[in-house]
Amino acid sequence: MFHAGWYGWPGYGGSWIFPYGGLIMGILLLLILGVVLYAVLRNRNPLRETPSSLEILKRRLAKGEISKEEYRELVEELKD
């Protein structure tokens, strides 16, 4: 049988009142680290390619926001 001594059970640290203090503090530290990493990674925006002007015009034409004539005029203007 192990002798608890002054520091609680062997390998866990803590005192005779709170023998698993080191284990609990380690788990608490990992939880805090996990929360911080989650917060940082959740707010990170992946690198996205911005659509070209021509792609934007194609989408606007497909949605019906501009007419075919306006599309053609804008494409010609973009080529200049």
C-alpha atoms as a PDB file:
ATOM      1  CA  MET A   1       0.000   0.000   0.000  1.00  0.00           C
ATOM      2  CA  PHE A   2       1.225   3.502  -0.824  1.00  0.00           C
ATOM      3  CA  HIS A   3       1.895   6.012   1.879  1.00  0.00           C
ATOM      4  CA  ALA A   4       0.204   9.336   1.101  1.00  0.00           C
ATOM      5  CA  GLY A   5       2.682  11.364   3.128  1.00  0.00           C
ATOM      6  CA  TRP A   6       2.531  15.132   3.085  1.00  0.00           C
ATOM      7  CA  TYR A   7       1.713  15.490  -0.603  1.00  0.00           C
ATOM      8  CA  GLY A   8      -1.291  13.204  -1.128  1.00  0.00           C
ATOM      9  CA  TRP A   9      -1.255  10.139  -3.328  1.00  0.00           C
ATOM     10  CA  PRO A  10       1.947   9.453  -5.268  1.00  0.00           C
ATOM     11  CA  GLY A  11       2.122  11.196  -8.633  1.00  0.00           C
ATOM     12  CA  TYR A  12      -0.806  13.560  -8.188  1.00  0.00           C
ATOM     13  CA  GLY A  13       0.536  16.331  -5.977  1.00  0.00           C
ATOM     14  CA  GLY A  14      -1.759  18.266  -3.719  1.00  0.00           C
ATOM     15  CA  SER A  15      -2.181  18.036   0.030  1.00  0.00           C
ATOM     16  CA  TRP A  16      -3.870  15.507   2.286  1.00  0.00           C
ATOM     17  CA  ILE A  17      -7.079  17.565   2.063  1.00  0.00           C
ATOM     18  CA  PHE A  18      -7.021  17.779  -1.744  1.00  0.00           C
ATOM     19  CA  PRO A  19      -4.857  14.877  -2.935  1.00  0.00           C
ATOM     20  CA  TYR A  20      -5.696  15.160  -6.658  1.00  0.00           C
ATOM     21  CA  GLY A  21      -4.919  18.883  -6.976  1.00  0.00           C
ATOM     22  CA  GLY A  22      -2.233  18.427  -9.619  1.00  0.00           C
ATOM     23  CA  LEU A  23      -4.475  16.235 -11.767  1.00  0.00           C
ATOM     24  CA  ILE A  24      -7.408  18.610 -11.515  1.00  0.00           C
ATOM     25  CA  MET A  25      -5.223  21.629 -12.288  1.00  0.00           C
ATOM     26  CA  GLY A  26      -3.845  19.840 -15.354  1.00  0.00           C
ATOM     27  CA  ILE A  27      -7.330  19.067 -16.621  1.00  0.00           C
ATOM     28  CA  LEU A  28      -8.406  22.657 -15.940  1.00  0.00           C
ATOM     29  CA  LEU A  29      -5.387  23.971 -17.861  1.00  0.00           C
ATOM     30  CA  LEU A  30      -6.225  21.760 -20.849  1.00  0.00           C
ATOM     31  CA  LEU A  31      -9.840  22.934 -20.803  1.00  0.00           C
ATOM     32  CA  ILE A  32      -8.787  26.585 -20.755  1.00  0.00           C
ATOM     33  CA  LEU A  33      -6.318  25.964 -23.583  1.00  0.00           C
ATOM     34  CA  GLY A  34      -9.052  24.223 -25.582  1.00  0.00           C
ATOM     35  CA  VAL A  35     -11.465  27.125 -25.125  1.00  0.00           C
ATOM     36  CA  VAL A  36      -8.826  29.641 -26.208  1.00  0.00           C
ATOM     37  CA  LEU A  37      -7.909  27.609 -29.301  1.00  0.00           C
ATOM     38  CA  TYR A  38     -11.576  27.196 -30.214  1.00  0.00           C
ATOM     39  CA  ALA A  39     -12.155  30.952 -29.931  1.00  0.00           C
ATOM     40  CA  VAL A  40      -9.133  31.753 -32.086  1.00  0.00           C
ATOM     41  CA  LEU A  41      -9.865  29.191 -34.791  1.00  0.00           C
ATOM     42  CA  ARG A  42     -13.585  29.940 -34.926  1.00  0.00           C
ATOM     43  CA  ASN A  43     -12.959  33.572 -35.867  1.00  0.00           C
ATOM     44  CA  ARG A  44     -10.328  32.795 -38.479  1.00  0.00           C
ATOM     45  CA  ASN A  45     -11.454  33.427 -42.040  1.00  0.00           C
ATOM     46  CA  PRO A  46     -10.175  30.965 -44.603  1.00  0.00           C
ATOM     47  CA  LEU A  47      -8.314  32.470 -47.509  1.00  0.00           C
ATOM     48  CA  ARG A  48     -10.884  32.989 -50.197  1.00  0.00           C
ATOM     49  CA  GLU A  49     -10.257  34.080 -53.708  1.00  0.00           C
ATOM     50  CA  THR A  50     -12.103  37.240 -54.560  1.00  0.00           C
ATOM     51  CA  PRO A  51     -14.223  36.820 -57.665  1.00  0.00           C
ATOM     52  CA  SER A  52     -13.133  38.686 -60.762  1.00  0.00           C
ATOM     53  CA  SER A  53     -15.183  41.532 -62.180  1.00  0.00           C
ATOM     54  CA  LEU A  54     -16.343  39.316 -65.025  1.00  0.00           C
ATOM     55  CA  GLU A  55     -17.552  36.641 -62.607  1.00  0.00           C
ATOM     56  CA  ILE A  56     -19.478  39.256 -60.647  1.00  0.00           C
ATOM     57  CA  LEU A  57     -21.112  40.475 -63.849  1.00  0.00           C
ATOM     58  CA  LYS A  58     -22.057  36.915 -64.817  1.00  0.00           C
ATOM     59  CA  ARG A  59     -23.709  36.386 -61.433  1.00  0.00           C
ATOM     60  CA  ARG A  60     -25.612  39.662 -61.690  1.00  0.00           C
ATOM     61  CA  LEU A  61     -26.830  38.691 -65.160  1.00  0.00           C
ATOM     62  CA  ALA A  62     -27.897  35.255 -63.911  1.00  0.00           C
ATOM     63  CA  LYS A  63     -29.830  36.831 -61.020  1.00  0.00           C
ATOM     64  CA  GLY A  64     -31.546  39.242 -63.370  1.00  0.00           C
ATOM     65  CA  GLU A  65     -30.042  42.328 -61.784  1.00  0.00           C
ATOM     66  CA  ILE A  66     -28.758  43.577 -65.150  1.00  0.00           C
ATOM     67  CA  SER A  67     -29.946  43.061 -68.716  1.00  0.00           C
ATOM     68  CA  LYS A  68     -27.979  41.395 -71.517  1.00  0.00           C
ATOM     69  CA  GLU A  69     -27.300  44.783 -73.090  1.00  0.00           C
ATOM     70  CA  GLU A  70     -25.944  46.170 -69.823  1.00  0.00           C
ATOM     71  CA  TYR A  71     -23.831  43.036 -69.414  1.00  0.00           C
ATOM     72  CA  ARG A  72     -22.303  43.421 -72.879  1.00  0.00           C
ATOM     73  CA  GLU A  73     -21.600  47.124 -72.309  1.00  0.00           C
ATOM     74  CA  LEU A  74     -19.935  46.443 -68.974  1.00  0.00           C
ATOM     75  CA  VAL A  75     -17.839  43.587 -70.388  1.00  0.00           C
ATOM     76  CA  GLU A  76     -16.610  45.870 -73.192  1.00  0.00           C
ATOM     77  CA  GLU A  77     -15.848  48.552 -70.622  1.00  0.00           C
ATOM     78  CA  LEU A  78     -13.847  46.112 -68.541  1.00  0.00           C
ATOM     79  CA  LYS A  79     -11.755  45.083 -71.562  1.00  0.00           C
ATOM     80  CA  ASP A  80     -10.549  48.669 -72.044  1.00  0.00           C
END
